[in-house]
Amino acid sequence: MRVPPWLVSMRLVEEERTKFRFWFPLFLLWPLLLVFVMLTFVATLLADLFSLVSGNKPGYTRFVLGVLGVVTQTRGTEVFVQDKSNHNRTVAFTLR
């Protein structure tokens, strides 16, 4: 089952030691995002309807559904950022 990420973990590593770890629960934002996605979905359905009436090929709703599919596949993504001035410092973000 494809579920969007529910947690972002950020950690600051300096000289192979974790100095700081912060967890941000994304599931607290899900109700807000659900409202935004529903409004976007209604707007894209209307845009597709107007495109169909004008003779163009509709594709906005399909695009939004594709973006949602990509977002649900981002679980497990890790991003590492190394500080230019201090090469021993790394910031890591993980989506869970």
PDB file of N, CA and C in Angstrom:
ATOM      1  N   MET A   1       0.846  -1.161   0.000  1.00  0.00           N
ATOM      2  CA  MET A   1       0.000   0.000   0.000  1.00  0.00           C
ATOM      3  C   MET A   1       0.904   1.240   0.000  1.00  0.00           C
ATOM      4  N   ARG A   2       0.570   2.205  -0.834  1.00  0.00           N
ATOM      5  CA  ARG A   2       1.347   3.424  -0.932  1.00  0.00           C
ATOM      6  C   ARG A   2       0.795   4.465   0.034  1.00  0.00           C
ATOM      7  N   VAL A   3       1.647   4.858   0.968  1.00  0.00           N
ATOM      8  CA  VAL A   3       1.278   5.829   1.987  1.00  0.00           C
ATOM      9  C   VAL A   3       2.320   6.945   1.958  1.00  0.00           C
ATOM     10  N   PRO A   4       1.897   8.202   2.061  1.00  0.00           N
ATOM     11  CA  PRO A   4       2.880   9.288   2.101  1.00  0.00           C
ATOM     12  C   PRO A   4       3.765   9.203   3.349  1.00  0.00           C
ATOM     13  N   PRO A   5       4.921   9.862   3.313  1.00  0.00           N
ATOM     14  CA  PRO A   5       5.793   9.827   4.482  1.00  0.00           C
ATOM     15  C   PRO A   5       5.103  10.409   5.711  1.00  0.00           C
ATOM     16  N   TRP A   6       5.386   9.860   6.862  1.00  0.00           N
ATOM     17  CA  TRP A   6       4.737  10.311   8.082  1.00  0.00           C
ATOM     18  C   TRP A   6       5.703  11.007   9.027  1.00  0.00           C
ATOM     19  N   LEU A   7       7.019  10.977   8.733  1.00  0.00           N
ATOM     20  CA  LEU A   7       7.999  11.536   9.639  1.00  0.00           C
ATOM     21  C   LEU A   7       9.225  11.984   8.852  1.00  0.00           C
ATOM     22  N   VAL A   8       9.795  13.128   9.223  1.00  0.00           N
ATOM     23  CA  VAL A   8      11.065  13.577   8.684  1.00  0.00           C
ATOM     24  C   VAL A   8      12.062  13.578   9.835  1.00  0.00           C
ATOM     25  N   SER A   9      13.160  12.901   9.625  1.00  0.00           N
ATOM     26  CA  SER A   9      14.209  12.848  10.627  1.00  0.00           C
ATOM     27  C   SER A   9      15.396  13.662  10.113  1.00  0.00           C
ATOM     28  N   MET A  10      15.862  14.623  10.907  1.00  0.00           N
ATOM     29  CA  MET A  10      17.016  15.419  10.545  1.00  0.00           C
ATOM     30  C   MET A  10      18.086  15.208  11.608  1.00  0.00           C
ATOM     31  N   ARG A  11      19.312  14.992  11.161  1.00  0.00           N
ATOM     32  CA  ARG A  11      20.393  14.838  12.133  1.00  0.00           C
ATOM     33  C   ARG A  11      21.629  15.587  11.662  1.00  0.00           C
ATOM     34  N   LEU A  12      22.335  16.130  12.595  1.00  0.00           N
ATOM     35  CA  LEU A  12      23.564  16.854  12.348  1.00  0.00           C
ATOM     36  C   LEU A  12      24.713  15.988  12.848  1.00  0.00           C
ATOM     37  N   VAL A  13      25.594  15.614  11.922  1.00  0.00           N
ATOM     38  CA  VAL A  13      26.719  14.755  12.252  1.00  0.00           C
ATOM     39  C   VAL A  13      27.991  15.582  12.123  1.00  0.00           C
ATOM     40  N   GLU A  14      28.796  15.568  13.171  1.00  0.00           N
ATOM     41  CA  GLU A  14      30.061  16.292  13.140  1.00  0.00           C
ATOM     42  C   GLU A  14      31.157  15.347  13.599  1.00  0.00           C
ATOM     43  N   GLU A  15      32.121  15.124  12.727  1.00  0.00           N
ATOM     44  CA  GLU A  15      33.245  14.219  12.994  1.00  0.00           C
ATOM     45  C   GLU A  15      32.764  12.840  13.428  1.00  0.00           C
ATOM     46  N   GLU A  16      31.877  12.276  12.645  1.00  0.00           N
ATOM     47  CA  GLU A  16      31.352  10.917  12.856  1.00  0.00           C
ATOM     48  C   GLU A  16      30.523  10.749  14.120  1.00  0.00           C
ATOM     49  N   ARG A  17      30.107  11.850  14.757  1.00  0.00           N
ATOM     50  CA  ARG A  17      29.234  11.780  15.936  1.00  0.00           C
ATOM     51  C   ARG A  17      27.974  12.567  15.660  1.00  0.00           C
ATOM     52  N   THR A  18      26.844  12.022  16.060  1.00  0.00           N
ATOM     53  CA  THR A  18      25.585  12.734  15.903  1.00  0.00           C
ATOM     54  C   THR A  18      25.477  13.768  17.012  1.00  0.00           C
ATOM     55  N   LYS A  19      25.433  15.046  16.593  1.00  0.00           N
ATOM     56  CA  LYS A  19      25.362  16.137  17.555  1.00  0.00           C
ATOM     57  C   LYS A  19      23.930  16.510  17.896  1.00  0.00           C
ATOM     58  N   PHE A  20      23.044  16.365  16.915  1.00  0.00           N
ATOM     59  CA  PHE A  20      21.678  16.861  17.066  1.00  0.00           C
ATOM     60  C   PHE A  20      20.755  16.008  16.212  1.00  0.00           C
ATOM     61  N   ARG A  21      19.606  15.647  16.751  1.00  0.00           N
ATOM     62  CA  ARG A  21      18.606  14.902  15.984  1.00  0.00           C
ATOM     63  C   ARG A  21      17.241  15.534  16.235  1.00  0.00           C
ATOM     64  N   PHE A  22      16.488  15.732  15.148  1.00  0.00           N
ATOM     65  CA  PHE A  22      15.173  16.360  15.227  1.00  0.00           C
ATOM     66  C   PHE A  22      14.201  15.540  14.389  1.00  0.00           C
ATOM     67  N   TRP A  23      13.061  15.194  14.945  1.00  0.00           N
ATOM     68  CA  TRP A  23      12.031  14.466  14.223  1.00  0.00           C
ATOM     69  C   TRP A  23      10.825  15.368  14.082  1.00  0.00           C
ATOM     70  N   PHE A  24      10.337  15.514  12.850  1.00  0.00           N
ATOM     71  CA  PHE A  24       9.144  16.312  12.602  1.00  0.00           C
ATOM     72  C   PHE A  24       8.039  15.396  12.090  1.00  0.00           C
ATOM     73  N   PRO A  25       6.939  15.256  12.831  1.00  0.00           N
ATOM     74  CA  PRO A  25       5.848  14.372  12.396  1.00  0.00           C
ATOM     75  C   PRO A  25       5.009  15.019  11.284  1.00  0.00           C
ATOM     76  N   LEU A  26       5.126  14.481  10.082  1.00  0.00           N
ATOM     77  CA  LEU A  26       4.369  15.001   8.944  1.00  0.00           C
ATOM     78  C   LEU A  26       2.887  14.655   9.012  1.00  0.00           C
ATOM     79  N   PHE A  27       2.537  13.598   9.745  1.00  0.00           N
ATOM     80  CA  PHE A  27       1.129  13.206   9.791  1.00  0.00           C
ATOM     81  C   PHE A  27       0.262  14.287  10.424  1.00  0.00           C
ATOM     82  N   LEU A  28       0.869  15.220  11.167  1.00  0.00           N
ATOM     83  CA  LEU A  28       0.106  16.341  11.709  1.00  0.00           C
ATOM     84  C   LEU A  28      -0.346  17.300  10.606  1.00  0.00           C
ATOM     85  N   LEU A  29       0.368  17.305   9.499  1.00  0.00           N
ATOM     86  CA  LEU A  29       0.017  18.172   8.369  1.00  0.00           C
ATOM     87  C   LEU A  29      -0.943  17.508   7.385  1.00  0.00           C
ATOM     88  N   TRP A  30      -1.176  16.210   7.519  1.00  0.00           N
ATOM     89  CA  TRP A  30      -2.023  15.502   6.566  1.00  0.00           C
ATOM     90  C   TRP A  30      -3.427  16.085   6.431  1.00  0.00           C
ATOM     91  N   PRO A  31      -4.132  16.448   7.508  1.00  0.00           N
ATOM     92  CA  PRO A  31      -5.477  17.022   7.318  1.00  0.00           C
ATOM     93  C   PRO A  31      -5.449  18.311   6.497  1.00  0.00           C
ATOM     94  N   LEU A  32      -4.456  19.154   6.733  1.00  0.00           N
ATOM     95  CA  LEU A  32      -4.323  20.381   5.941  1.00  0.00           C
ATOM     96  C   LEU A  32      -4.033  20.060   4.482  1.00  0.00           C
ATOM     97  N   LEU A  33      -3.137  19.118   4.260  1.00  0.00           N
ATOM     98  CA  LEU A  33      -2.805  18.727   2.892  1.00  0.00           C
ATOM     99  C   LEU A  33      -3.979  18.063   2.190  1.00  0.00           C
ATOM    100  N   LEU A  34      -4.788  17.328   2.929  1.00  0.00           N
ATOM    101  CA  LEU A  34      -5.956  16.693   2.339  1.00  0.00           C
ATOM    102  C   LEU A  34      -6.931  17.732   1.800  1.00  0.00           C
ATOM    103  N   VAL A  35      -7.154  18.792   2.570  1.00  0.00           N
ATOM    104  CA  VAL A  35      -8.032  19.868   2.106  1.00  0.00           C
ATOM    105  C   VAL A  35      -7.443  20.525   0.857  1.00  0.00           C
ATOM    106  N   PHE A  36      -6.148  20.809   0.871  1.00  0.00           N
ATOM    107  CA  PHE A  36      -5.486  21.422  -0.285  1.00  0.00           C
ATOM    108  C   PHE A  36      -5.564  20.523  -1.515  1.00  0.00           C
ATOM    109  N   VAL A  37      -5.336  19.224  -1.344  1.00  0.00           N
ATOM    110  CA  VAL A  37      -5.384  18.289  -2.469  1.00  0.00           C
ATOM    111  C   VAL A  37      -6.804  18.180  -3.021  1.00  0.00           C
ATOM    112  N   MET A  38      -7.807  18.169  -2.159  1.00  0.00           N
ATOM    113  CA  MET A  38      -9.193  18.087  -2.634  1.00  0.00           C
ATOM    114  C   MET A  38      -9.570  19.344  -3.441  1.00  0.00           C
ATOM    115  N   LEU A  39      -9.174  20.525  -2.954  1.00  0.00           N
ATOM    116  CA  LEU A  39      -9.446  21.758  -3.708  1.00  0.00           C
ATOM    117  C   LEU A  39      -8.709  21.764  -5.046  1.00  0.00           C
ATOM    118  N   THR A  40      -7.479  21.289  -5.050  1.00  0.00           N
ATOM    119  CA  THR A  40      -6.719  21.201  -6.293  1.00  0.00           C
ATOM    120  C   THR A  40      -7.364  20.209  -7.246  1.00  0.00           C
ATOM    121  N   PHE A  41      -7.842  19.097  -6.722  1.00  0.00           N
ATOM    122  CA  PHE A  41      -8.474  18.083  -7.553  1.00  0.00           C
ATOM    123  C   PHE A  41      -9.752  18.629  -8.207  1.00  0.00           C
ATOM    124  N   VAL A  42     -10.561  19.366  -7.454  1.00  0.00           N
ATOM    125  CA  VAL A  42     -11.774  19.970  -8.008  1.00  0.00           C
ATOM    126  C   VAL A  42     -11.405  20.993  -9.090  1.00  0.00           C
ATOM    127  N   ALA A  43     -10.379  21.809  -8.836  1.00  0.00           N
ATOM    128  CA  ALA A  43      -9.956  22.810  -9.818  1.00  0.00           C
ATOM    129  C   ALA A  43      -9.437  22.154 -11.090  1.00  0.00           C
ATOM    130  N   THR A  44      -8.690  21.065 -10.962  1.00  0.00           N
ATOM    131  CA  THR A  44      -8.180  20.397 -12.166  1.00  0.00           C
ATOM    132  C   THR A  44      -9.304  19.691 -12.927  1.00  0.00           C
ATOM    133  N   LEU A  45     -10.296  19.163 -12.214  1.00  0.00           N
ATOM    134  CA  LEU A  45     -11.434  18.573 -12.917  1.00  0.00           C
ATOM    135  C   LEU A  45     -12.183  19.630 -13.723  1.00  0.00           C
ATOM    136  N   LEU A  46     -12.363  20.818 -13.157  1.00  0.00           N
ATOM    137  CA  LEU A  46     -13.004  21.905 -13.891  1.00  0.00           C
ATOM    138  C   LEU A  46     -12.150  22.349 -15.082  1.00  0.00           C
ATOM    139  N   ALA A  47     -10.844  22.435 -14.882  1.00  0.00           N
ATOM    140  CA  ALA A  47      -9.952  22.810 -15.983  1.00  0.00           C
ATOM    141  C   ALA A  47      -9.995  21.768 -17.090  1.00  0.00           C
ATOM    142  N   ASP A  48     -10.043  20.478 -16.728  1.00  0.00           N
ATOM    143  CA  ASP A  48     -10.154  19.423 -17.733  1.00  0.00           C
ATOM    144  C   ASP A  48     -11.491  19.495 -18.469  1.00  0.00           C
ATOM    145  N   LEU A  49     -12.552  19.829 -17.757  1.00  0.00           N
ATOM    146  CA  LEU A  49     -13.863  19.970 -18.396  1.00  0.00           C
ATOM    147  C   LEU A  49     -13.847  21.097 -19.423  1.00  0.00           C
ATOM    148  N   PHE A  50     -13.267  22.239 -19.046  1.00  0.00           N
ATOM    149  CA  PHE A  50     -13.174  23.355 -19.989  1.00  0.00           C
ATOM    150  C   PHE A  50     -12.248  23.025 -21.156  1.00  0.00           C
ATOM    151  N   SER A  51     -11.195  22.278 -20.924  1.00  0.00           N
ATOM    152  CA  SER A  51     -10.305  21.855 -22.002  1.00  0.00           C
ATOM    153  C   SER A  51     -11.024  20.927 -22.972  1.00  0.00           C
ATOM    154  N   LEU A  52     -11.822  20.023 -22.415  1.00  0.00           N
ATOM    155  CA  LEU A  52     -12.560  19.081 -23.250  1.00  0.00           C
ATOM    156  C   LEU A  52     -13.591  19.796 -24.098  1.00  0.00           C
ATOM    157  N   VAL A  53     -14.274  20.796 -23.529  1.00  0.00           N
ATOM    158  CA  VAL A  53     -15.283  21.559 -24.263  1.00  0.00           C
ATOM    159  C   VAL A  53     -14.629  22.379 -25.379  1.00  0.00           C
ATOM    160  N   SER A  54     -13.441  22.922 -25.117  1.00  0.00           N
ATOM    161  CA  SER A  54     -12.770  23.742 -26.130  1.00  0.00           C
ATOM    162  C   SER A  54     -12.066  22.903 -27.184  1.00  0.00           C
ATOM    163  N   GLY A  55     -12.020  21.606 -27.026  1.00  0.00           N
ATOM    164  CA  GLY A  55     -11.453  20.737 -28.049  1.00  0.00           C
ATOM    165  C   GLY A  55     -10.023  20.313 -27.785  1.00  0.00           C
ATOM    166  N   ASN A  56      -9.446  20.710 -26.669  1.00  0.00           N
ATOM    167  CA  ASN A  56      -8.081  20.310 -26.325  1.00  0.00           C
ATOM    168  C   ASN A  56      -8.095  19.017 -25.519  1.00  0.00           C
ATOM    169  N   LYS A  57      -6.939  18.380 -25.474  1.00  0.00           N
ATOM    170  CA  LYS A  57      -6.828  17.137 -24.719  1.00  0.00           C
ATOM    171  C   LYS A  57      -6.654  17.455 -23.235  1.00  0.00           C
ATOM    172  N   PRO A  58      -7.548  16.989 -22.344  1.00  0.00           N
ATOM    173  CA  PRO A  58      -7.412  17.271 -20.903  1.00  0.00           C
ATOM    174  C   PRO A  58      -6.298  16.422 -20.290  1.00  0.00           C
ATOM    175  N   GLY A  59      -5.585  16.975 -19.307  1.00  0.00           N
ATOM    176  CA  GLY A  59      -4.526  16.213 -18.682  1.00  0.00           C
ATOM    177  C   GLY A  59      -4.109  16.730 -17.321  1.00  0.00           C
ATOM    178  N   TYR A  60      -4.793  17.749 -16.825  1.00  0.00           N
ATOM    179  CA  TYR A  60      -4.391  18.338 -15.549  1.00  0.00           C
ATOM    180  C   TYR A  60      -4.654  17.391 -14.379  1.00  0.00           C
ATOM    181  N   THR A  61      -5.791  16.736 -14.371  1.00  0.00           N
ATOM    182  CA  THR A  61      -6.124  15.819 -13.277  1.00  0.00           C
ATOM    183  C   THR A  61      -5.163  14.642 -13.273  1.00  0.00           C
ATOM    184  N   ARG A  62      -4.833  14.162 -14.437  1.00  0.00           N
ATOM    185  CA  ARG A  62      -3.880  13.051 -14.533  1.00  0.00           C
ATOM    186  C   ARG A  62      -2.509  13.466 -13.997  1.00  0.00           C
ATOM    187  N   PHE A  63      -2.117  14.707 -14.275  1.00  0.00           N
ATOM    188  CA  PHE A  63      -0.852  15.222 -13.764  1.00  0.00           C
ATOM    189  C   PHE A  63      -0.856  15.281 -12.237  1.00  0.00           C
ATOM    190  N   VAL A  64      -1.942  15.793 -11.641  1.00  0.00           N
ATOM    191  CA  VAL A  64      -2.031  15.893 -10.177  1.00  0.00           C
ATOM    192  C   VAL A  64      -2.006  14.505  -9.547  1.00  0.00           C
ATOM    193  N   LEU A  65      -2.698  13.552 -10.131  1.00  0.00           N
ATOM    194  CA  LEU A  65      -2.673  12.191  -9.599  1.00  0.00           C
ATOM    195  C   LEU A  65      -1.283  11.572  -9.722  1.00  0.00           C
ATOM    196  N   GLY A  66      -0.561  11.894 -10.788  1.00  0.00           N
ATOM    197  CA  GLY A  66       0.814  11.422 -10.943  1.00  0.00           C
ATOM    198  C   GLY A  66       1.740  12.009  -9.892  1.00  0.00           C
ATOM    199  N   VAL A  67       1.563  13.300  -9.595  1.00  0.00           N
ATOM    200  CA  VAL A  67       2.379  13.941  -8.554  1.00  0.00           C
ATOM    201  C   VAL A  67       2.099  13.299  -7.194  1.00  0.00           C
ATOM    202  N   LEU A  68       0.846  13.021  -6.914  1.00  0.00           N
ATOM    203  CA  LEU A  68       0.504  12.351  -5.646  1.00  0.00           C
ATOM    204  C   LEU A  68       1.134  10.960  -5.577  1.00  0.00           C
ATOM    205  N   GLY A  69       1.174  10.275  -6.713  1.00  0.00           N
ATOM    206  CA  GLY A  69       1.820   8.962  -6.753  1.00  0.00           C
ATOM    207  C   GLY A  69       3.310   9.053  -6.474  1.00  0.00           C
ATOM    208  N   VAL A  70       3.958  10.091  -6.988  1.00  0.00           N
ATOM    209  CA  VAL A  70       5.390  10.282  -6.730  1.00  0.00           C
ATOM    210  C   VAL A  70       5.633  10.609  -5.258  1.00  0.00           C
ATOM    211  N   VAL A  71       4.786  11.444  -4.679  1.00  0.00           N
ATOM    212  CA  VAL A  71       4.946  11.816  -3.269  1.00  0.00           C
ATOM    213  C   VAL A  71       4.819  10.590  -2.370  1.00  0.00           C
ATOM    214  N   THR A  72       3.919   9.675  -2.705  1.00  0.00           N
ATOM    215  CA  THR A  72       3.752   8.486  -1.865  1.00  0.00           C
ATOM    216  C   THR A  72       4.941   7.535  -1.985  1.00  0.00           C
ATOM    217  N   GLN A  73       5.760   7.679  -3.027  1.00  0.00           N
ATOM    218  CA  GLN A  73       6.914   6.801  -3.217  1.00  0.00           C
ATOM    219  C   GLN A  73       8.198   7.377  -2.621  1.00  0.00           C
ATOM    220  N   THR A  74       8.128   8.512  -1.914  1.00  0.00           N
ATOM    221  CA  THR A  74       9.336   9.142  -1.391  1.00  0.00           C
ATOM    222  C   THR A  74       9.770   8.595  -0.038  1.00  0.00           C
ATOM    223  N   ARG A  75       9.032   7.676   0.529  1.00  0.00           N
ATOM    224  CA  ARG A  75       9.441   7.098   1.819  1.00  0.00           C
ATOM    225  C   ARG A  75      10.772   6.382   1.658  1.00  0.00           C
ATOM    226  N   GLY A  76      11.659   6.609   2.614  1.00  0.00           N
ATOM    227  CA  GLY A  76      12.979   5.994   2.568  1.00  0.00           C
ATOM    228  C   GLY A  76      14.023   6.865   1.883  1.00  0.00           C
ATOM    229  N   THR A  77      13.637   8.031   1.402  1.00  0.00           N
ATOM    230  CA  THR A  77      14.579   8.928   0.748  1.00  0.00           C
ATOM    231  C   THR A  77      15.501   9.554   1.784  1.00  0.00           C
ATOM    232  N   GLU A  78      16.794   9.554   1.480  1.00  0.00           N
ATOM    233  CA  GLU A  78      17.775  10.165   2.357  1.00  0.00           C
ATOM    234  C   GLU A  78      18.539  11.225   1.576  1.00  0.00           C
ATOM    235  N   VAL A  79      18.719  12.388   2.184  1.00  0.00           N
ATOM    236  CA  VAL A  79      19.459  13.491   1.587  1.00  0.00           C
ATOM    237  C   VAL A  79      20.572  13.874   2.552  1.00  0.00           C
ATOM    238  N   PHE A  80      21.803  13.904   2.037  1.00  0.00           N
ATOM    239  CA  PHE A  80      22.949  14.284   2.836  1.00  0.00           C
ATOM    240  C   PHE A  80      23.521  15.585   2.291  1.00  0.00           C
ATOM    241  N   VAL A  81      23.714  16.567   3.172  1.00  0.00           N
ATOM    242  CA  VAL A  81      24.266  17.862   2.796  1.00  0.00           C
ATOM    243  C   VAL A  81      25.528  18.082   3.615  1.00  0.00           C
ATOM    244  N   GLN A  82      26.658  18.312   2.907  1.00  0.00           N
ATOM    245  CA  GLN A  82      27.914  18.525   3.602  1.00  0.00           C
ATOM    246  C   GLN A  82      28.254  20.012   3.595  1.00  0.00           C
ATOM    247  N   ASP A  83      28.679  20.514   4.733  1.00  0.00           N
ATOM    248  CA  ASP A  83      29.027  21.926   4.901  1.00  0.00           C
ATOM    249  C   ASP A  83      30.317  22.220   4.144  1.00  0.00           C
ATOM    250  N   LYS A  84      30.331  23.302   3.328  1.00  0.00           N
ATOM    251  CA  LYS A  84      31.527  23.649   2.561  1.00  0.00           C
ATOM    252  C   LYS A  84      32.666  24.128   3.446  1.00  0.00           C
ATOM    253  N   SER A  85      32.341  24.924   4.456  1.00  0.00           N
ATOM    254  CA  SER A  85      33.396  25.485   5.300  1.00  0.00           C
ATOM    255  C   SER A  85      33.974  24.449   6.268  1.00  0.00           C
ATOM    256  N   ASN A  86      33.158  23.521   6.692  1.00  0.00           N
ATOM    257  CA  ASN A  86      33.605  22.501   7.636  1.00  0.00           C
ATOM    258  C   ASN A  86      33.261  21.140   7.040  1.00  0.00           C
ATOM    259  N   HIS A  87      34.244  20.477   6.456  1.00  0.00           N
ATOM    260  CA  HIS A  87      33.988  19.213   5.753  1.00  0.00           C
ATOM    261  C   HIS A  87      33.669  18.057   6.684  1.00  0.00           C
ATOM    262  N   ASN A  88      33.794  18.269   7.966  1.00  0.00           N
ATOM    263  CA  ASN A  88      33.466  17.215   8.922  1.00  0.00           C
ATOM    264  C   ASN A  88      32.024  17.281   9.387  1.00  0.00           C
ATOM    265  N   ARG A  89      31.256  18.259   8.902  1.00  0.00           N
ATOM    266  CA  ARG A  89      29.869  18.434   9.329  1.00  0.00           C
ATOM    267  C   ARG A  89      28.927  18.016   8.192  1.00  0.00           C
ATOM    268  N   THR A  90      27.971  17.168   8.517  1.00  0.00           N
ATOM    269  CA  THR A  90      26.989  16.697   7.546  1.00  0.00           C
ATOM    270  C   THR A  90      25.606  16.794   8.168  1.00  0.00           C
ATOM    271  N   VAL A  91      24.640  17.258   7.361  1.00  0.00           N
ATOM    272  CA  VAL A  91      23.242  17.283   7.768  1.00  0.00           C
ATOM    273  C   VAL A  91      22.513  16.238   6.930  1.00  0.00           C
ATOM    274  N   ALA A  92      21.785  15.359   7.572  1.00  0.00           N
ATOM    275  CA  ALA A  92      21.089  14.281   6.869  1.00  0.00           C
ATOM    276  C   ALA A  92      19.584  14.383   7.139  1.00  0.00           C
ATOM    277  N   PHE A  93      18.798  14.275   6.068  1.00  0.00           N
ATOM    278  CA  PHE A  93      17.337  14.259   6.154  1.00  0.00           C
ATOM    279  C   PHE A  93      16.865  12.889   5.681  1.00  0.00           C
ATOM    280  N   THR A  94      15.947  12.289   6.417  1.00  0.00           N
ATOM    281  CA  THR A  94      15.377  10.988   6.042  1.00  0.00           C
ATOM    282  C   THR A  94      13.862  11.071   6.130  1.00  0.00           C
ATOM    283  N   LEU A  95      13.173  10.626   5.072  1.00  0.00           N
ATOM    284  CA  LEU A  95      11.713  10.530   5.081  1.00  0.00           C
ATOM    285  C   LEU A  95      11.328   9.116   5.469  1.00  0.00           C
ATOM    286  N   ARG A  96      10.470   8.999   6.456  1.00  0.00           N
ATOM    287  CA  ARG A  96      10.047   7.666   6.921  1.00  0.00           C
ATOM    288  C   ARG A  96       8.572   7.499   6.733  1.00  0.00           C
TER     289      ARG A  96
END
